[in-house]
Each structure stands twice: as C-alpha cells, then as structure tokens.
N, C-alpha and C. Protein backbone atom coordinates (compact mmCIF):
# COMPACT_ATOMS: atom_id res chain seq x y z
N MET A 1 139.29 139.13 92.54
CA MET A 1 139.59 138.27 93.65
C MET A 1 138.32 137.57 94.15
N LYS A 2 137.21 138.34 94.25
CA LYS A 2 135.97 137.74 94.70
C LYS A 2 135.49 136.66 93.73
N GLN A 3 135.65 136.91 92.43
CA GLN A 3 135.23 135.91 91.44
C GLN A 3 136.05 134.65 91.56
N LEU A 4 137.35 134.79 91.81
CA LEU A 4 138.22 133.64 91.98
C LEU A 4 137.81 132.84 93.20
N LEU A 5 137.54 133.53 94.30
CA LEU A 5 137.11 132.88 95.53
C LEU A 5 135.78 132.15 95.32
N LEU A 6 134.82 132.80 94.67
CA LEU A 6 133.54 132.16 94.39
C LEU A 6 133.70 130.96 93.48
N SER A 7 134.56 131.05 92.50
CA SER A 7 134.81 129.93 91.60
C SER A 7 135.40 128.75 92.36
N ALA A 8 136.35 129.04 93.24
CA ALA A 8 136.98 127.97 94.03
C ALA A 8 135.96 127.29 94.94
N ILE A 9 135.09 128.07 95.57
CA ILE A 9 134.07 127.49 96.44
C ILE A 9 133.11 126.63 95.63
N CYS A 10 132.69 127.10 94.46
CA CYS A 10 131.79 126.32 93.60
C CYS A 10 132.43 125.00 93.19
N ILE A 11 133.69 125.02 92.85
CA ILE A 11 134.39 123.79 92.45
C ILE A 11 134.44 122.82 93.61
N LEU A 12 134.73 123.31 94.82
CA LEU A 12 134.78 122.44 95.99
C LEU A 12 133.42 121.81 96.27
N ILE A 13 132.38 122.59 96.17
CA ILE A 13 131.04 122.07 96.43
C ILE A 13 130.67 121.03 95.39
N LEU A 14 130.92 121.31 94.13
CA LEU A 14 130.54 120.39 93.07
C LEU A 14 131.38 119.13 93.04
N SER A 15 132.64 119.20 93.49
CA SER A 15 133.51 118.04 93.38
C SER A 15 133.38 117.08 94.54
N GLY A 16 132.83 117.50 95.66
CA GLY A 16 132.73 116.64 96.83
C GLY A 16 131.41 115.92 96.89
N CYS A 17 131.20 115.21 97.97
CA CYS A 17 129.97 114.46 98.18
C CYS A 17 128.96 115.26 98.98
N VAL A 18 129.27 116.50 99.27
CA VAL A 18 128.39 117.36 100.02
C VAL A 18 127.71 118.31 99.05
N SER A 19 126.42 118.44 99.18
CA SER A 19 125.71 119.28 98.24
C SER A 19 125.44 120.69 98.74
N THR A 20 125.63 120.94 100.04
CA THR A 20 125.46 122.30 100.54
C THR A 20 126.55 122.60 101.55
N GLN A 21 126.89 123.87 101.64
CA GLN A 21 127.89 124.32 102.59
C GLN A 21 127.44 125.67 103.11
N THR A 22 127.43 125.81 104.42
CA THR A 22 127.00 127.06 105.01
C THR A 22 128.00 127.51 106.04
N SER A 23 127.94 128.77 106.41
CA SER A 23 128.80 129.28 107.46
C SER A 23 127.93 129.97 108.51
N SER A 24 128.49 130.13 109.66
CA SER A 24 127.80 130.79 110.76
C SER A 24 127.66 132.27 110.45
N PRO A 25 126.59 132.92 110.94
CA PRO A 25 126.42 134.35 110.70
C PRO A 25 127.57 135.18 111.27
N THR A 26 128.30 134.63 112.24
CA THR A 26 129.41 135.37 112.86
C THR A 26 130.72 135.15 112.13
N ASP A 27 130.78 134.23 111.16
CA ASP A 27 132.01 133.99 110.41
C ASP A 27 132.30 135.19 109.52
N THR A 28 133.54 135.66 109.57
CA THR A 28 133.94 136.76 108.71
C THR A 28 134.76 136.29 107.54
N ASN A 29 135.27 135.08 107.60
CA ASN A 29 136.09 134.53 106.53
C ASN A 29 135.42 133.27 105.98
N PRO A 30 134.69 133.36 104.84
CA PRO A 30 133.97 132.20 104.33
C PRO A 30 134.88 131.05 103.93
N VAL A 31 136.14 131.32 103.59
CA VAL A 31 137.06 130.24 103.22
C VAL A 31 137.40 129.39 104.44
N ALA A 32 137.52 130.02 105.60
CA ALA A 32 137.87 129.30 106.82
C ALA A 32 136.67 128.60 107.44
N ALA A 33 135.45 128.91 107.00
CA ALA A 33 134.26 128.32 107.57
C ALA A 33 134.18 126.84 107.23
N LYS A 34 133.83 126.04 108.22
CA LYS A 34 133.68 124.60 108.01
C LYS A 34 132.27 124.31 107.51
N PRO A 35 132.13 123.24 106.72
CA PRO A 35 130.78 122.88 106.27
C PRO A 35 129.89 122.54 107.46
N LYS A 36 128.65 122.89 107.35
CA LYS A 36 127.68 122.55 108.39
C LYS A 36 126.81 121.43 107.87
N TYR A 37 126.78 120.35 108.60
CA TYR A 37 125.96 119.20 108.23
C TYR A 37 124.83 119.09 109.24
N GLU A 38 123.71 119.62 108.88
CA GLU A 38 122.57 119.57 109.79
C GLU A 38 121.98 118.17 109.78
N THR A 39 121.90 117.56 110.95
CA THR A 39 121.37 116.22 111.11
C THR A 39 120.02 116.31 111.79
N TYR A 40 119.04 115.55 111.27
CA TYR A 40 117.67 115.63 111.78
C TYR A 40 117.29 114.49 112.71
N ILE A 41 118.20 113.58 112.95
CA ILE A 41 117.92 112.47 113.85
C ILE A 41 118.87 112.53 115.04
N GLN A 42 118.47 111.85 116.13
CA GLN A 42 119.28 111.84 117.34
C GLN A 42 119.33 110.44 117.93
N VAL A 43 120.40 110.16 118.64
CA VAL A 43 120.52 108.90 119.37
C VAL A 43 119.35 108.79 120.34
N GLY A 44 118.73 107.61 120.39
CA GLY A 44 117.60 107.35 121.26
C GLY A 44 116.25 107.57 120.60
N GLN A 45 116.25 108.21 119.47
CA GLN A 45 115.02 108.47 118.72
C GLN A 45 114.62 107.22 117.93
N VAL A 46 113.32 107.07 117.70
CA VAL A 46 112.83 105.98 116.86
C VAL A 46 113.27 106.25 115.42
N MET A 47 113.72 105.23 114.76
CA MET A 47 114.13 105.33 113.36
C MET A 47 112.99 105.90 112.54
N PRO A 48 113.23 106.93 111.69
CA PRO A 48 112.14 107.54 110.95
C PRO A 48 111.54 106.66 109.85
N LEU A 49 112.27 105.66 109.40
CA LEU A 49 111.75 104.76 108.36
C LEU A 49 111.23 103.48 108.98
N GLN A 50 110.11 103.01 108.48
CA GLN A 50 109.59 101.71 108.91
C GLN A 50 109.76 100.66 107.82
N THR A 51 109.54 101.06 106.58
CA THR A 51 109.71 100.14 105.46
C THR A 51 110.34 100.88 104.29
N VAL A 52 111.05 100.13 103.48
CA VAL A 52 111.60 100.65 102.22
C VAL A 52 111.42 99.56 101.17
N THR A 53 111.47 99.97 99.92
CA THR A 53 111.36 99.02 98.81
C THR A 53 112.68 99.03 98.06
N THR A 54 113.27 97.86 97.89
CA THR A 54 114.55 97.75 97.22
C THR A 54 114.40 97.98 95.71
N ILE A 55 115.52 98.10 95.03
CA ILE A 55 115.48 98.28 93.58
C ILE A 55 114.98 97.03 92.89
N ASP A 56 114.90 95.92 93.62
CA ASP A 56 114.37 94.66 93.08
C ASP A 56 112.89 94.48 93.39
N GLY A 57 112.27 95.50 94.04
CA GLY A 57 110.85 95.44 94.35
C GLY A 57 110.52 94.74 95.64
N GLN A 58 111.51 94.39 96.44
CA GLN A 58 111.29 93.70 97.71
C GLN A 58 111.03 94.74 98.81
N ASN A 59 109.97 94.53 99.60
CA ASN A 59 109.69 95.39 100.75
C ASN A 59 110.51 94.92 101.95
N ILE A 60 111.20 95.86 102.58
CA ILE A 60 112.03 95.56 103.75
C ILE A 60 111.38 96.20 104.97
N ASP A 61 111.12 95.40 106.00
CA ASP A 61 110.55 95.88 107.25
C ASP A 61 111.70 96.27 108.18
N LEU A 62 111.88 97.55 108.39
CA LEU A 62 112.96 98.02 109.25
C LEU A 62 112.60 98.04 110.73
N THR A 63 111.42 97.53 111.07
CA THR A 63 111.03 97.43 112.48
C THR A 63 111.21 96.02 113.01
N ASN A 64 111.80 95.13 112.24
CA ASN A 64 112.02 93.74 112.62
C ASN A 64 112.74 93.66 113.97
N PRO A 65 112.09 93.11 115.01
CA PRO A 65 112.71 93.06 116.34
C PRO A 65 113.79 91.98 116.49
N ASP A 66 113.98 91.17 115.47
CA ASP A 66 114.99 90.11 115.55
C ASP A 66 116.37 90.57 115.08
N LYS A 67 116.45 91.76 114.51
CA LYS A 67 117.72 92.20 113.93
C LYS A 67 118.05 93.65 114.27
N ARG A 68 119.34 93.90 114.42
CA ARG A 68 119.83 95.27 114.43
C ARG A 68 119.85 95.72 112.97
N LYS A 69 119.86 97.02 112.75
CA LYS A 69 119.86 97.52 111.38
C LYS A 69 121.03 98.48 111.19
N LEU A 70 121.61 98.41 110.01
CA LEU A 70 122.59 99.38 109.57
C LEU A 70 122.03 100.00 108.31
N VAL A 71 121.68 101.28 108.39
CA VAL A 71 121.16 102.00 107.24
C VAL A 71 122.30 102.88 106.73
N ILE A 72 122.62 102.71 105.47
CA ILE A 72 123.70 103.47 104.84
C ILE A 72 123.07 104.44 103.85
N LEU A 73 123.34 105.70 104.02
CA LEU A 73 122.90 106.72 103.08
C LEU A 73 124.11 107.09 102.24
N PHE A 74 124.02 106.87 100.94
CA PHE A 74 125.18 107.04 100.07
C PHE A 74 124.74 107.52 98.70
N ALA A 75 125.70 107.70 97.80
CA ALA A 75 125.43 107.98 96.40
C ALA A 75 126.49 107.29 95.56
N THR A 76 126.09 106.71 94.46
CA THR A 76 127.04 105.97 93.61
C THR A 76 128.11 106.89 93.04
N TRP A 77 127.84 108.17 92.88
CA TRP A 77 128.78 109.12 92.29
C TRP A 77 129.77 109.69 93.29
N CYS A 78 129.62 109.40 94.57
CA CYS A 78 130.45 109.96 95.63
C CYS A 78 131.64 109.05 95.94
N SER A 79 132.84 109.59 95.88
CA SER A 79 134.04 108.76 96.12
C SER A 79 134.09 108.22 97.54
N ASP A 80 133.67 109.00 98.54
CA ASP A 80 133.63 108.49 99.92
C ASP A 80 132.62 107.35 100.04
N SER A 81 131.49 107.47 99.36
CA SER A 81 130.48 106.41 99.37
C SER A 81 131.02 105.15 98.69
N GLN A 82 131.70 105.31 97.59
CA GLN A 82 132.29 104.17 96.88
C GLN A 82 133.29 103.46 97.79
N ARG A 83 134.13 104.23 98.47
CA ARG A 83 135.12 103.65 99.39
C ARG A 83 134.42 102.93 100.54
N ALA A 84 133.36 103.52 101.07
CA ALA A 84 132.64 102.91 102.19
C ALA A 84 131.99 101.59 101.78
N MET A 85 131.38 101.56 100.61
CA MET A 85 130.73 100.33 100.15
C MET A 85 131.77 99.23 99.90
N LYS A 86 132.91 99.59 99.35
CA LYS A 86 133.98 98.60 99.13
C LYS A 86 134.47 98.06 100.47
N ALA A 87 134.73 98.94 101.41
CA ALA A 87 135.20 98.52 102.73
C ALA A 87 134.18 97.64 103.43
N LEU A 88 132.91 97.99 103.31
CA LEU A 88 131.85 97.19 103.91
C LEU A 88 131.87 95.77 103.37
N HIS A 89 132.00 95.65 102.06
CA HIS A 89 131.98 94.34 101.43
C HIS A 89 133.26 93.54 101.63
N GLU A 90 134.30 94.18 102.12
CA GLU A 90 135.54 93.48 102.46
C GLU A 90 135.60 93.17 103.95
N SER A 91 134.61 93.61 104.71
CA SER A 91 134.60 93.41 106.17
C SER A 91 133.78 92.18 106.54
N ASP A 92 133.86 91.81 107.81
CA ASP A 92 133.07 90.68 108.30
C ASP A 92 131.68 91.11 108.77
N ILE A 93 131.37 92.38 108.65
CA ILE A 93 130.05 92.89 109.07
C ILE A 93 128.93 92.17 108.32
N LEU A 94 129.18 91.84 107.07
CA LEU A 94 128.15 91.17 106.27
C LEU A 94 127.80 89.79 106.81
N ASN A 95 128.66 89.23 107.64
CA ASN A 95 128.44 87.88 108.18
C ASN A 95 127.67 87.88 109.50
N GLN A 96 127.31 89.02 110.01
CA GLN A 96 126.60 89.09 111.29
C GLN A 96 125.12 88.77 111.05
N GLU A 97 124.70 87.62 111.55
CA GLU A 97 123.35 87.12 111.28
C GLU A 97 122.24 87.96 111.92
N ASP A 98 122.56 88.67 112.98
CA ASP A 98 121.53 89.48 113.64
C ASP A 98 121.52 90.92 113.11
N LEU A 99 122.12 91.15 111.94
CA LEU A 99 122.22 92.48 111.37
C LEU A 99 121.58 92.53 109.99
N GLN A 100 120.71 93.50 109.80
CA GLN A 100 120.09 93.75 108.50
C GLN A 100 120.70 95.04 107.95
N ILE A 101 121.23 94.99 106.74
CA ILE A 101 121.87 96.15 106.13
C ILE A 101 121.07 96.61 104.93
N VAL A 102 120.78 97.90 104.90
CA VAL A 102 120.07 98.50 103.77
C VAL A 102 120.83 99.76 103.38
N ALA A 103 121.17 99.87 102.10
CA ALA A 103 121.86 101.06 101.60
C ALA A 103 120.91 101.85 100.71
N ILE A 104 120.76 103.12 101.02
CA ILE A 104 119.82 103.99 100.30
C ILE A 104 120.63 104.98 99.47
N ALA A 105 120.49 104.87 98.15
CA ALA A 105 121.26 105.69 97.22
C ALA A 105 120.53 106.99 96.91
N ARG A 106 121.11 108.05 97.37
CA ARG A 106 120.56 109.40 97.19
C ARG A 106 120.86 109.91 95.78
N GLU A 107 119.82 110.44 95.14
CA GLU A 107 119.97 111.07 93.83
C GLU A 107 120.48 110.10 92.76
N ASN A 108 120.07 108.84 92.86
CA ASN A 108 120.43 107.83 91.86
C ASN A 108 119.18 107.13 91.37
N THR A 109 119.17 106.80 90.08
CA THR A 109 118.06 106.04 89.51
C THR A 109 118.29 104.56 89.77
N VAL A 110 117.25 103.78 89.57
CA VAL A 110 117.36 102.33 89.72
C VAL A 110 118.42 101.78 88.77
N GLU A 111 118.44 102.29 87.56
CA GLU A 111 119.41 101.82 86.56
C GLU A 111 120.84 102.10 87.00
N GLU A 112 121.09 103.29 87.54
CA GLU A 112 122.43 103.64 88.03
C GLU A 112 122.84 102.73 89.19
N ILE A 113 121.90 102.45 90.07
CA ILE A 113 122.20 101.60 91.23
C ILE A 113 122.44 100.16 90.79
N GLU A 114 121.66 99.67 89.85
CA GLU A 114 121.87 98.31 89.33
C GLU A 114 123.26 98.18 88.71
N LYS A 115 123.67 99.18 87.96
CA LYS A 115 125.00 99.17 87.34
C LYS A 115 126.08 99.18 88.42
N PHE A 116 125.92 100.03 89.43
CA PHE A 116 126.85 100.12 90.56
C PHE A 116 126.95 98.76 91.26
N ARG A 117 125.81 98.13 91.52
CA ARG A 117 125.78 96.83 92.19
C ARG A 117 126.52 95.78 91.37
N GLN A 118 126.27 95.75 90.08
CA GLN A 118 126.89 94.75 89.21
C GLN A 118 128.40 94.96 89.11
N GLU A 119 128.83 96.20 88.92
CA GLU A 119 130.25 96.50 88.77
C GLU A 119 131.05 96.20 90.03
N ARG A 120 130.43 96.33 91.20
CA ARG A 120 131.13 96.18 92.47
C ARG A 120 130.72 94.93 93.25
N ASN A 121 129.89 94.10 92.64
CA ASN A 121 129.44 92.86 93.28
C ASN A 121 128.83 93.12 94.66
N ILE A 122 127.94 94.10 94.72
CA ILE A 122 127.27 94.48 95.97
C ILE A 122 126.21 93.43 96.28
N THR A 123 126.17 92.98 97.54
CA THR A 123 125.24 91.93 97.93
C THR A 123 124.16 92.38 98.91
N ILE A 124 124.24 93.61 99.40
CA ILE A 124 123.25 94.07 100.36
C ILE A 124 122.04 94.66 99.64
N ASP A 125 120.96 94.87 100.38
CA ASP A 125 119.75 95.46 99.81
C ASP A 125 120.01 96.93 99.47
N LEU A 126 119.59 97.33 98.27
CA LEU A 126 119.78 98.69 97.79
C LEU A 126 118.44 99.34 97.48
N VAL A 127 118.33 100.61 97.84
CA VAL A 127 117.09 101.37 97.68
C VAL A 127 117.41 102.65 96.91
N ALA A 128 116.54 103.02 95.98
CA ALA A 128 116.72 104.27 95.23
C ALA A 128 115.98 105.41 95.94
N ASP A 129 116.66 106.54 96.06
CA ASP A 129 116.08 107.75 96.62
C ASP A 129 116.36 108.90 95.64
N VAL A 130 115.71 108.81 94.50
CA VAL A 130 115.98 109.73 93.39
C VAL A 130 115.79 111.18 93.79
N ASP A 131 114.75 111.48 94.55
CA ASP A 131 114.41 112.86 94.89
C ASP A 131 114.84 113.29 96.29
N ARG A 132 115.64 112.48 96.97
CA ARG A 132 116.14 112.76 98.32
C ARG A 132 115.03 112.75 99.38
N SER A 133 113.87 112.23 99.08
CA SER A 133 112.77 112.25 100.05
C SER A 133 113.09 111.40 101.28
N ILE A 134 113.82 110.34 101.11
CA ILE A 134 114.24 109.53 102.26
C ILE A 134 115.37 110.24 103.00
N TYR A 135 116.38 110.65 102.25
CA TYR A 135 117.55 111.30 102.84
C TYR A 135 117.16 112.51 103.68
N LYS A 136 116.18 113.28 103.23
CA LYS A 136 115.76 114.49 103.93
C LYS A 136 115.23 114.21 105.34
N GLN A 137 114.89 112.97 105.63
CA GLN A 137 114.45 112.60 106.97
C GLN A 137 115.62 112.48 107.93
N PHE A 138 116.83 112.39 107.38
CA PHE A 138 118.02 112.17 108.20
C PHE A 138 118.94 113.39 108.31
N ALA A 139 119.17 114.10 107.20
CA ALA A 139 120.15 115.19 107.22
C ALA A 139 119.94 116.13 106.04
N SER A 140 120.64 117.26 106.10
CA SER A 140 120.57 118.23 105.01
C SER A 140 121.69 118.03 104.00
N ALA A 141 122.82 117.49 104.43
CA ALA A 141 123.97 117.31 103.53
C ALA A 141 124.94 116.31 104.13
N GLY A 142 125.80 115.78 103.27
CA GLY A 142 126.87 114.91 103.71
C GLY A 142 126.57 113.44 103.56
N ILE A 143 127.41 112.77 102.78
CA ILE A 143 127.34 111.33 102.61
C ILE A 143 128.76 110.79 102.50
N PRO A 144 128.97 109.55 102.79
CA PRO A 144 128.01 108.56 103.28
C PRO A 144 127.72 108.76 104.77
N ARG A 145 126.57 108.30 105.15
CA ARG A 145 126.15 108.30 106.55
C ARG A 145 125.80 106.88 106.96
N PHE A 146 126.22 106.52 108.15
CA PHE A 146 125.86 105.23 108.73
C PHE A 146 124.91 105.50 109.88
N VAL A 147 123.76 104.83 109.87
CA VAL A 147 122.80 104.95 110.96
C VAL A 147 122.66 103.56 111.56
N MET A 148 123.06 103.41 112.83
CA MET A 148 122.97 102.15 113.54
C MET A 148 121.70 102.14 114.39
N VAL A 149 120.90 101.11 114.21
CA VAL A 149 119.60 101.01 114.86
C VAL A 149 119.53 99.68 115.61
N ASP A 150 119.03 99.73 116.86
CA ASP A 150 118.95 98.49 117.65
C ASP A 150 117.69 97.70 117.30
N LYS A 151 117.51 96.57 117.96
CA LYS A 151 116.39 95.68 117.68
C LYS A 151 115.04 96.31 118.04
N ASN A 152 115.06 97.33 118.90
CA ASN A 152 113.83 98.03 119.29
C ASN A 152 113.53 99.21 118.37
N ASN A 153 114.26 99.33 117.27
CA ASN A 153 114.08 100.37 116.26
C ASN A 153 114.49 101.75 116.76
N LEU A 154 115.40 101.79 117.73
CA LEU A 154 115.92 103.05 118.26
C LEU A 154 117.30 103.32 117.67
N ILE A 155 117.57 104.57 117.33
CA ILE A 155 118.87 104.93 116.78
C ILE A 155 119.90 104.89 117.90
N VAL A 156 120.95 104.12 117.66
CA VAL A 156 122.03 103.95 118.63
C VAL A 156 123.19 104.89 118.31
N ASN A 157 123.43 105.09 117.02
CA ASN A 157 124.55 105.91 116.60
C ASN A 157 124.30 106.37 115.17
N GLU A 158 124.84 107.53 114.82
CA GLU A 158 124.75 108.05 113.46
C GLU A 158 126.03 108.80 113.19
N VAL A 159 126.70 108.46 112.08
CA VAL A 159 127.97 109.11 111.78
C VAL A 159 128.06 109.48 110.30
N LEU A 160 128.73 110.57 110.04
CA LEU A 160 129.11 110.94 108.70
C LEU A 160 130.45 110.25 108.45
N ALA A 161 130.51 109.40 107.45
CA ALA A 161 131.66 108.51 107.27
C ALA A 161 132.53 108.93 106.09
N GLU A 162 132.99 110.16 106.11
CA GLU A 162 133.88 110.62 105.06
C GLU A 162 135.31 110.18 105.38
N GLY A 163 136.14 110.09 104.36
CA GLY A 163 137.55 109.81 104.57
C GLY A 163 137.89 108.35 104.68
N GLU A 164 138.90 108.05 105.46
CA GLU A 164 139.42 106.69 105.60
C GLU A 164 138.84 105.99 106.83
N ASN A 165 139.06 104.68 106.92
CA ASN A 165 138.69 103.86 108.07
C ASN A 165 137.21 104.01 108.44
N GLN A 166 136.38 104.06 107.45
CA GLN A 166 134.96 104.30 107.66
C GLN A 166 134.27 103.18 108.44
N ILE A 167 134.65 101.95 108.18
CA ILE A 167 133.99 100.81 108.81
C ILE A 167 134.19 100.83 110.33
N GLU A 168 135.30 101.38 110.78
CA GLU A 168 135.55 101.48 112.23
C GLU A 168 134.51 102.37 112.92
N LEU A 169 133.82 103.19 112.17
CA LEU A 169 132.80 104.07 112.73
C LEU A 169 131.50 103.36 113.04
N ILE A 170 131.34 102.15 112.55
CA ILE A 170 130.12 101.38 112.79
C ILE A 170 130.22 100.73 114.15
N GLN A 171 129.53 101.32 115.12
CA GLN A 171 129.58 100.84 116.51
C GLN A 171 128.21 100.95 117.14
N TRP A 172 127.83 99.88 117.83
CA TRP A 172 126.57 99.90 118.56
C TRP A 172 126.84 100.13 120.01
C-alpha cells in the first residue's frame, strides 16, 4: 500500500508543473496535504530583477519608469504555462502601450524557447532560465506565475496562475 501511495505521489509530481510538494509537520495524511508554494517576493517590495537578456541577445531594463511590467515565469513543457501564453496572446493586454511584458522560461534552453515561440507565434520578449537562477528569486515551486510591477519598480501583485481564466488574474 505504501509503495502504491508513493508511486501515485511521484506520478502527480512529475506530471504537473510543480516540481516540489511539501506538507506541514502536523499533517498526518500526506495524500490530503496541499502543495506548498513558497513565494520569496511580496507586494510593495522592489522587483528583484533589474535587467534580463532575451533569447535574441537584447538587454531589457526592467527599471524603466515609463512602463508597468508584467513578468511571467513559465516553462514550455508545462500545460498551464502553455494555456497562459495562448490566452495572453489572444488578449488585448499586448496592446497596452504603457506595459512591458517579459516571459522567463524556467528549465528551458534557448533552442527549446525558440521552437516554442515559432510554433505558437509568440511576440513578447522571452528569456531563458536554464538553471532556475532567476526563478529562485521569486519562488520555490509553481508555474506559471504572473508578477505585476508598477512604473516605480514595486511589485503590485503576484499570482500563481494555474488552471483556467488565468488572464483575469492580471490586475494592478
């Protein structure tokens, strides 16, 4: 029975977009325990990134005071991330002139991201985070994540955007 339970938990972890799952020390039933997504940023905090380099070699200044920023932490292999990127590109958010959007692909190579961009006609700036060094500044697990940043480079909102209606979660 224990082996079956462990096998089921391993399958759930490997099949989802979450790479770690933990339970509280007081939990007695690990199956009933909800995943814990430790987040390292808070509303009102200065955005931990100042610049990133896109897969095309372009440096992006995330401290630009003329624009709000939407930072998307995602992975090309994650179904929730794929759904979020599709919804984003079907929304009018891309038409907001005072908004800069950067999507950071966790655990993806430049080649994988280029293929993803081409197959899905992605038009926003994409950044590779092969070793999770960028992602680790934001959270321990869970994608896609939307981080909304104001013109003063302060975090306004941060959400884990799993499931449906993800674009509705983007609010300043």
